[in-house]
Amino acid sequence: MNPGNADPVVSVIIVTWNGKKYALECLEALLERGNALPMEIIVVDNASTDGTPEAIRERFPHVLLVRNDANFGFARANNIGIARSRGEYVCLVNSDVVVPAGCLDKMVQYLALHPDIGLLGPKMLSPNGGIGLSVMRLPTVSNTICCALGLHCIFPASQLFSGFLMEDYEYDRTEDVEVLTGWFWMVPRIALQQVGGLDERFFMYGEDIDWCHRFLKAGWRVVFYSDAEALHYGAASSAKAPTRFYIEMHRANLQYFRKYYGRIGSVGYLFATWLHEVVRIVGYSLVYCYRPRGRSAAAFKINKSLSCLKWLFGVAPVS
C-alpha cells in the first residue's frame, strides 16, 4: 500500500458487484503479496447484496471503498474510481483476478520504457492451467459473419476468415494488438487524460473494444505484454445469469456498431447475429438428436440462442 502521504505510482481500481469470495481474494493478493511501487487501491461497489462491501470494509479498512446506491454498470463505476485516483499509472482490474507479486511493477517498468503505449495488458492465466483469451481484433461486419459461420474454426490462421476472436493467438510474445479485453488494463495517466475514461453508454461489455478503438484512433499503442501474468477466474458475476449476460453482450456489440459503423453497419451486425444464432440452433439440435449424453448442454445452448433471437426481434428485450 501507499506509505505515509507519498503519492501513489499505481492506482488500482476494482469494480465489484456481488462475488464477495473473488473480491476478497483479489484484494488479499494485492495487499499481502506485495509490490515495490507505492500503490493505492480503490474499490467501487455497484450496490452488491451479498455483503461484499461490508466484508471489504471489515477486512481491508485502508482500501478506499466507494459504495454506489445502484448498479451503475462497469464503465461508469470504473470512471468513478478513476476520478478518485491519483497514481501516475491507472490499473483497472476485474474483481475475479488474482494479481501475483511483481506483476504491476513489471508493467509499470515496461510502460516507463515505452511512453507511446496507451494501454497495456498482461497474460491471462485460467484456473485450469491454460491461457485465457484476452486479445481480439476490432470487430467488423465481415469478421463477425466469419465467426457466425464458424469459419474462424475452420481457417484459424487465415487473415480473411479467422474472425475477430483470434482463438489461435499464441500469447508467447509482446506485441501491438487491436483489442485487449477489459479484465486487466494498465494505462498511463497522460494517455488517459487525452483519450478520456470509458464510454458510460456501455453498461456492460463493449466498453473494452470501444476504449481500445479510441486509444488507437488517438495515436496510442495498445500492447499485449507477455512477461506479466495474472489469474482470471472469469464469469464471476455473469455465471449467475448466463442467458441474460449473453444477450447483454450482443446488445453492447450492436451499440458499438452503431457508434462506429452507422445504420448500415448495425444492420450488418444484426444479420450476422441472426446467422450466428440460427447456425447454433441447427448445430446443437443435431447434437441433441444424435448424442444423448450431450443433450442437457445442447438444450441449454439452443434455448440461449432462441432467447437471443427473441431479443433480436424485440420479443424479449433485456431487462
Protein backbone atom coordinates (compact mmCIF):
# COMPACT_ATOMS: atom_id res chain seq x y z
CA MET A 1 0.00 0.00 0.00
CA ASN A 2 0.92 3.66 -0.08
CA PRO A 3 3.17 4.51 2.86
CA GLY A 4 2.62 7.82 4.60
CA ASN A 5 1.47 10.64 2.39
CA ALA A 6 3.57 9.65 -0.63
CA ASP A 7 1.74 9.94 -3.92
CA PRO A 8 0.96 6.51 -5.36
CA VAL A 9 2.67 5.45 -8.56
CA VAL A 10 -0.13 2.97 -9.34
CA SER A 11 -3.85 3.37 -8.70
CA VAL A 12 -5.65 0.02 -8.81
CA ILE A 13 -9.38 0.30 -9.41
CA ILE A 14 -11.65 -2.68 -8.80
CA VAL A 15 -15.38 -2.69 -9.54
CA THR A 16 -17.45 -5.14 -7.50
CA TRP A 17 -20.96 -6.42 -7.92
CA ASN A 18 -21.57 -9.37 -5.60
CA GLY A 19 -18.93 -12.10 -5.97
CA LYS A 20 -17.63 -11.49 -2.42
CA LYS A 21 -15.31 -14.51 -2.39
CA TYR A 22 -13.48 -13.39 -5.53
CA ALA A 23 -13.24 -9.75 -4.47
CA LEU A 24 -11.68 -10.64 -1.13
CA GLU A 25 -9.14 -12.95 -2.78
CA CYS A 26 -8.30 -10.22 -5.29
CA LEU A 27 -7.62 -7.69 -2.54
CA GLU A 28 -5.72 -10.15 -0.40
CA ALA A 29 -3.34 -10.90 -3.27
CA LEU A 30 -2.74 -7.22 -3.99
CA LEU A 31 -2.11 -6.31 -0.35
CA GLU A 32 -0.30 -9.34 1.04
CA ARG A 33 1.95 -10.41 -1.82
CA GLY A 34 3.47 -7.02 -2.17
CA ASN A 35 4.58 -4.69 -4.93
CA ALA A 36 7.66 -2.50 -4.78
CA LEU A 37 5.93 0.66 -6.03
CA PRO A 38 3.66 2.89 -3.90
CA MET A 39 0.07 1.86 -4.66
CA GLU A 40 -3.46 2.87 -3.79
CA ILE A 41 -6.48 0.59 -4.15
CA ILE A 42 -9.94 1.95 -4.90
CA VAL A 43 -12.95 -0.38 -4.80
CA VAL A 44 -16.18 0.84 -6.39
CA ASP A 45 -19.12 -1.34 -5.37
CA ASN A 46 -22.22 -1.39 -7.58
CA ALA A 47 -24.79 -1.96 -4.82
CA SER A 48 -23.82 -5.55 -4.02
CA THR A 49 -26.37 -7.51 -1.99
CA ASP A 50 -24.16 -10.39 -0.85
CA GLY A 51 -22.18 -8.50 1.80
CA THR A 52 -19.23 -7.66 -0.44
CA PRO A 53 -18.71 -4.02 0.68
CA GLU A 54 -19.22 -4.87 4.35
CA ALA A 55 -16.62 -7.64 4.15
CA ILE A 56 -14.15 -5.34 2.37
CA ARG A 57 -14.62 -2.61 4.97
CA GLU A 58 -14.03 -5.09 7.79
CA ARG A 59 -11.00 -6.91 6.35
CA PHE A 60 -9.33 -4.10 4.39
CA PRO A 61 -10.08 -0.83 6.20
CA HIS A 62 -7.26 1.05 4.40
CA VAL A 63 -8.76 0.43 0.96
CA LEU A 64 -10.76 3.35 -0.40
CA LEU A 65 -14.30 1.97 -0.76
CA VAL A 66 -16.88 3.82 -2.84
CA ARG A 67 -20.42 2.47 -2.48
CA ASN A 68 -22.84 3.27 -5.29
CA ASP A 69 -26.54 3.24 -4.40
CA ALA A 70 -27.38 1.32 -7.59
CA ASN A 71 -25.67 -0.84 -10.19
CA PHE A 72 -24.15 1.83 -12.42
CA GLY A 73 -22.51 -0.67 -14.75
CA PHE A 74 -18.85 -1.44 -15.40
CA ALA A 75 -17.87 1.67 -17.36
CA ARG A 76 -19.43 4.28 -15.08
CA ALA A 77 -18.19 2.59 -11.91
CA ASN A 78 -14.63 2.49 -13.25
CA ASN A 79 -14.87 6.16 -14.18
CA ILE A 80 -15.92 6.95 -10.62
CA GLY A 81 -12.81 5.16 -9.41
CA ILE A 82 -10.62 6.91 -11.98
CA ALA A 83 -11.90 10.29 -10.79
CA ARG A 84 -10.79 9.45 -7.23
CA SER A 85 -7.38 8.09 -8.28
CA ARG A 86 -4.01 9.89 -8.02
CA GLY A 87 -1.45 7.49 -9.47
CA GLU A 88 0.78 8.12 -12.46
CA TYR A 89 -0.50 4.80 -13.81
CA VAL A 90 -4.11 3.64 -13.52
CA CYS A 91 -4.81 -0.07 -13.42
CA LEU A 92 -8.34 -1.42 -13.94
CA VAL A 93 -8.61 -4.94 -12.55
CA ASN A 94 -11.67 -7.20 -12.52
CA SER A 95 -12.71 -8.36 -9.08
CA ASP A 96 -12.16 -12.02 -10.02
CA VAL A 97 -8.48 -11.53 -10.85
CA VAL A 98 -5.56 -12.60 -8.66
CA VAL A 99 -2.53 -10.38 -9.29
CA PRO A 100 0.76 -12.04 -8.28
CA ALA A 101 3.67 -10.23 -6.67
CA GLY A 102 5.72 -8.21 -9.13
CA CYS A 103 3.11 -8.10 -11.89
CA LEU A 104 2.26 -4.41 -11.51
CA ASP A 105 5.93 -3.49 -11.11
CA LYS A 106 6.83 -5.20 -14.40
CA MET A 107 4.02 -3.44 -16.22
CA VAL A 108 4.98 0.00 -14.86
CA GLN A 109 8.61 -0.55 -15.82
CA TYR A 110 7.61 -1.55 -19.36
CA LEU A 111 5.35 1.47 -19.78
CA ALA A 112 8.09 3.77 -18.50
CA LEU A 113 10.40 2.42 -21.21
CA HIS A 114 7.73 2.77 -23.91
CA PRO A 115 5.94 6.12 -23.44
CA ASP A 116 3.97 5.70 -26.68
CA ILE A 117 1.87 2.87 -25.18
CA GLY A 118 -1.60 3.89 -24.06
CA LEU A 119 -2.98 0.52 -22.93
CA LEU A 120 -1.02 -2.46 -21.64
CA GLY A 121 -2.48 -5.87 -20.80
CA PRO A 122 -0.81 -8.94 -19.23
CA LYS A 123 -1.19 -12.63 -20.00
CA MET A 124 -4.37 -14.20 -18.62
CA LEU A 125 -3.96 -17.47 -16.75
CA SER A 126 -7.06 -19.66 -16.43
CA PRO A 127 -7.91 -21.73 -13.33
CA ASN A 128 -7.48 -24.92 -15.41
CA GLY A 129 -3.85 -24.06 -16.05
CA GLY A 130 -4.31 -22.80 -19.60
CA ILE A 131 -4.00 -19.34 -21.12
CA GLY A 132 -7.20 -17.35 -21.40
CA LEU A 133 -8.25 -15.36 -24.46
CA SER A 134 -7.55 -11.67 -23.88
CA VAL A 135 -6.67 -10.35 -27.35
CA MET A 136 -9.07 -9.61 -30.20
CA ARG A 137 -9.34 -7.76 -33.46
CA LEU A 138 -11.65 -4.79 -33.76
CA PRO A 139 -14.97 -6.25 -34.91
CA THR A 140 -16.29 -5.55 -38.39
CA VAL A 141 -19.31 -6.89 -40.24
CA SER A 142 -17.13 -9.23 -42.29
CA ASN A 143 -15.18 -10.78 -39.44
CA THR A 144 -18.36 -11.08 -37.35
CA ILE A 145 -20.00 -13.04 -40.17
CA CYS A 146 -16.90 -15.27 -40.32
CA CYS A 147 -17.41 -16.11 -36.64
CA ALA A 148 -21.13 -16.64 -37.19
CA LEU A 149 -20.42 -19.24 -39.88
CA GLY A 150 -17.67 -20.90 -37.88
CA LEU A 151 -15.04 -20.03 -40.48
CA HIS A 152 -12.69 -18.90 -37.69
CA CYS A 153 -12.61 -22.53 -36.50
CA ILE A 154 -12.09 -23.97 -39.99
CA PHE A 155 -9.43 -21.43 -41.04
CA PRO A 156 -7.89 -20.20 -37.76
CA ALA A 157 -4.67 -18.96 -39.38
CA SER A 158 -6.38 -17.08 -42.22
CA GLN A 159 -6.45 -13.29 -42.07
CA LEU A 160 -9.54 -13.36 -44.29
CA PHE A 161 -11.67 -15.92 -42.44
CA SER A 162 -10.32 -16.05 -38.88
CA GLY A 163 -12.85 -13.58 -37.48
CA PHE A 164 -12.27 -11.18 -34.60
CA LEU A 165 -11.83 -13.64 -31.71
CA MET A 166 -8.22 -14.64 -32.54
CA GLU A 167 -8.58 -18.03 -30.87
CA ASP A 168 -5.29 -19.13 -32.48
CA TYR A 169 -3.25 -16.34 -30.88
CA GLU A 170 -0.13 -17.79 -29.22
CA TYR A 171 0.33 -15.31 -26.34
CA ASP A 172 4.06 -16.05 -26.43
CA ARG A 173 5.40 -12.60 -27.30
CA THR A 174 4.85 -8.95 -26.53
CA GLU A 175 3.33 -7.07 -29.46
CA ASP A 176 0.86 -4.45 -30.61
CA VAL A 177 -2.75 -5.63 -30.88
CA GLU A 178 -6.08 -4.07 -31.71
CA VAL A 179 -8.12 -5.04 -28.64
CA LEU A 180 -7.23 -6.02 -25.08
CA THR A 181 -10.29 -7.37 -23.29
CA GLY A 182 -11.27 -5.49 -20.16
CA TRP A 183 -10.23 -7.96 -17.48
CA PHE A 184 -6.95 -6.18 -16.63
CA TRP A 185 -5.58 -2.94 -18.08
CA MET A 186 -2.84 -0.52 -17.16
CA VAL A 187 -2.86 2.96 -18.67
CA PRO A 188 -0.54 5.94 -18.14
CA ARG A 189 -2.41 8.93 -16.79
CA ILE A 190 -1.10 11.15 -19.58
CA ALA A 191 -2.78 8.87 -22.14
CA LEU A 192 -5.94 8.65 -20.05
CA GLN A 193 -6.17 12.43 -19.89
CA GLN A 194 -6.06 12.64 -23.68
CA VAL A 195 -8.41 9.75 -24.53
CA GLY A 196 -10.80 10.08 -21.59
CA GLY A 197 -12.49 7.42 -19.49
CA LEU A 198 -14.72 4.57 -20.52
CA ASP A 199 -17.85 5.37 -22.53
CA GLU A 200 -20.65 5.16 -19.97
CA ARG A 201 -23.22 4.45 -22.66
CA PHE A 202 -21.89 0.88 -22.48
CA PHE A 203 -23.43 -0.59 -19.34
CA MET A 204 -21.63 -3.91 -19.56
CA TYR A 205 -19.47 -5.36 -22.34
CA GLY A 206 -18.32 -3.44 -25.40
CA GLU A 207 -16.62 -0.72 -23.40
CA ASP A 208 -13.29 -2.53 -23.74
CA ILE A 209 -13.49 -2.68 -27.54
CA ASP A 210 -14.56 0.95 -27.64
CA TRP A 211 -11.73 2.11 -25.36
CA CYS A 212 -9.09 0.29 -27.41
CA HIS A 213 -10.57 1.78 -30.58
CA ARG A 214 -10.30 5.26 -29.08
CA PHE A 215 -6.71 4.80 -27.91
CA LEU A 216 -5.67 3.60 -31.36
CA LYS A 217 -7.52 6.45 -33.04
CA ALA A 218 -5.71 8.94 -30.79
CA GLY A 219 -2.34 7.52 -31.85
CA TRP A 220 -1.53 5.45 -28.76
CA ARG A 221 -0.29 1.87 -28.96
CA VAL A 222 -2.33 -0.99 -27.46
CA VAL A 223 0.07 -3.72 -26.38
CA PHE A 224 -0.19 -7.27 -25.07
CA TYR A 225 2.64 -7.81 -22.57
CA SER A 226 3.64 -11.46 -22.34
CA ASP A 227 6.14 -11.06 -19.48
CA ALA A 228 3.46 -10.25 -16.89
CA GLU A 229 0.60 -12.56 -15.99
CA ALA A 230 -2.33 -12.88 -13.60
CA LEU A 231 -5.03 -15.42 -12.79
CA HIS A 232 -8.56 -14.71 -14.02
CA TYR A 233 -11.40 -16.87 -12.75
CA GLY A 234 -13.84 -15.43 -15.29
CA ALA A 235 -17.64 -15.04 -15.28
CA ALA A 236 -17.80 -14.42 -11.53
CA SER A 237 -20.97 -12.35 -11.98
CA SER A 238 -22.29 -13.46 -15.37
CA ALA A 239 -22.35 -17.14 -14.37
CA LYS A 240 -25.39 -16.37 -12.22
CA ALA A 241 -27.49 -15.43 -15.27
CA PRO A 242 -25.67 -16.64 -18.41
CA THR A 243 -28.52 -16.07 -20.87
CA ARG A 244 -29.15 -12.52 -19.74
CA PHE A 245 -25.46 -11.65 -19.90
CA TYR A 246 -25.17 -13.31 -23.32
CA ILE A 247 -27.91 -11.06 -24.66
CA GLU A 248 -26.33 -8.07 -22.91
CA MET A 249 -23.09 -8.80 -24.75
CA HIS A 250 -24.90 -8.74 -28.11
CA ARG A 251 -26.68 -5.53 -27.15
CA ALA A 252 -23.33 -3.90 -26.35
CA ASN A 253 -21.83 -5.08 -29.62
CA LEU A 254 -24.76 -3.61 -31.50
CA GLN A 255 -24.17 -0.34 -29.68
CA TYR A 256 -20.52 -0.41 -30.78
CA PHE A 257 -21.52 -0.95 -34.43
CA ARG A 258 -24.00 1.91 -34.24
CA LYS A 259 -21.29 4.19 -32.85
CA TYR A 260 -18.61 3.42 -35.43
CA TYR A 261 -20.35 1.98 -38.50
CA GLY A 262 -23.72 3.74 -38.54
CA ARG A 263 -27.00 2.30 -39.71
CA ILE A 264 -25.60 0.08 -42.47
CA GLY A 265 -23.04 -1.46 -40.13
CA SER A 266 -25.71 -2.01 -37.49
CA VAL A 267 -27.89 -3.87 -39.98
CA GLY A 268 -24.88 -5.96 -40.94
CA TYR A 269 -24.24 -6.84 -37.29
CA LEU A 270 -27.89 -7.76 -36.74
CA PHE A 271 -27.74 -10.05 -39.77
CA ALA A 272 -24.52 -11.65 -38.51
CA THR A 273 -26.10 -12.21 -35.08
CA TRP A 274 -29.21 -13.77 -36.61
CA LEU A 275 -26.99 -16.02 -38.73
CA HIS A 276 -24.87 -16.97 -35.73
CA GLU A 277 -27.84 -18.00 -33.60
CA VAL A 278 -29.55 -19.93 -36.42
CA VAL A 279 -26.36 -21.87 -37.10
CA ARG A 280 -26.01 -22.63 -33.39
CA ILE A 281 -29.62 -23.81 -33.12
CA VAL A 282 -29.24 -26.13 -36.09
CA GLY A 283 -25.91 -27.47 -34.88
CA TYR A 284 -26.95 -28.10 -31.29
CA SER A 285 -30.24 -29.60 -32.44
CA LEU A 286 -28.21 -32.23 -34.28
CA VAL A 287 -26.15 -32.80 -31.14
CA TYR A 288 -29.35 -33.17 -29.13
CA CYS A 289 -30.71 -35.75 -31.56
CA TYR A 290 -27.61 -37.87 -32.08
CA ARG A 291 -25.60 -37.52 -28.84
CA PRO A 292 -27.78 -38.44 -25.86
CA ARG A 293 -25.02 -37.66 -23.35
CA GLY A 294 -24.78 -34.12 -24.61
CA ARG A 295 -28.49 -33.36 -24.59
CA SER A 296 -28.55 -31.28 -21.43
CA ALA A 297 -25.80 -28.90 -22.58
CA ALA A 298 -27.21 -28.78 -26.12
CA ALA A 299 -30.70 -27.94 -24.86
CA PHE A 300 -29.32 -25.09 -22.76
CA LYS A 301 -27.44 -23.62 -25.72
CA ILE A 302 -30.45 -23.97 -28.01
CA ASN A 303 -32.61 -22.10 -25.51
CA LYS A 304 -29.95 -19.42 -25.10
CA SER A 305 -29.86 -18.85 -28.86
CA LEU A 306 -33.66 -18.80 -29.03
CA SER A 307 -33.72 -16.17 -26.28
CA CYS A 308 -31.20 -14.12 -28.24
CA LEU A 309 -33.37 -14.32 -31.38
CA LYS A 310 -36.39 -13.19 -29.37
CA TRP A 311 -34.40 -10.20 -28.15
CA LEU A 312 -33.19 -9.54 -31.68
CA PHE A 313 -36.77 -9.26 -32.95
CA GLY A 314 -37.96 -7.25 -29.95
CA VAL A 315 -39.96 -10.07 -28.38
CA ALA A 316 -37.86 -10.25 -25.20
CA PRO A 317 -35.86 -7.09 -24.51
CA VAL A 318 -33.02 -7.12 -21.96
CA SER A 319 -34.37 -6.33 -18.50
